[in-house]
């Protein structure tokens, strides 16, 4: 039986890891709600974000936060270009073609990152050392606390963006019915590309914030698959559902790894299968039907 202090520590670690998954999942859901495309290369945006921060901080000597902002914006530009120049050209093609294309993007991004940055794992110096201690049992490293705080900030920012800005309202309208939005004078193509850019920015932010916690290499993008599993568990059409599913998986993972080491690394997918058997639409299903 685990001591209570270890239970609390594993739970806090799981929440932080789940929030990291949640940041990646936010991009998955935003792109899917706007285009009904599941971007299987989304985890690679996260990987590129981590490498961007590493490069800017080491090669140019910038501070972490300056590298974070510029690196995430650079990956957002990549996301915009991917949609505007490539994904837009295959509108109307089969879902199988889109799936293969996004998977191919993942391979291409990993190969390019390996050729440019090397294949060996590298580390990023954390700008926030130390830990927060509350009482005798609650103890959390600042780097993980930053991930949790960043997730809360991004969720609030997205909510306000979609509720309070004309651009956000136009994005919601386009996601509901692109043809009607087009006839209303909404620049649907630019909005969709902007959605890809926002999703890429958030994924890059997740990679940049995880970089000081884990080593950076070309394989960290595979965390995107766990984020996808979390989004499916929570309800793929719901931002809050995706975040809930990712946090749930993040909390379950460390306990599953401790008590069931035989399924270490795959517990997220076991949880996903169990939820799909019981509730195929996820814990918080999409609350509206897309208008046609």
Foldseek 3Di string as FASTA:
>chain_A
DDDPLVLQVLLLQLLLQLLLLLLLLLLQQLLCLQQVARQPLSLLLQLQLQVQLVCCCPVVVDDNVVSNVVSLLVSLVVLLCCLLPPVVVQPPPDNVVRVVVSVVVNVVSLVVCCVVVNADWAADADPFADWDDDPDRDIGTPLSVVSNVVSVVVVVVLVCCLPPDPLNVLSNVSSQPVVVSVVVVRPSSSSSSSSSSVSSSSSSSSSSSCRNVDTRGSPSSCSNVLLVLLCQQQASNDSVRSSVSSSVLSSVQVVCCVPPVVCHPCVSVVSSVVSCVVPVRHNDYNPDDRDD
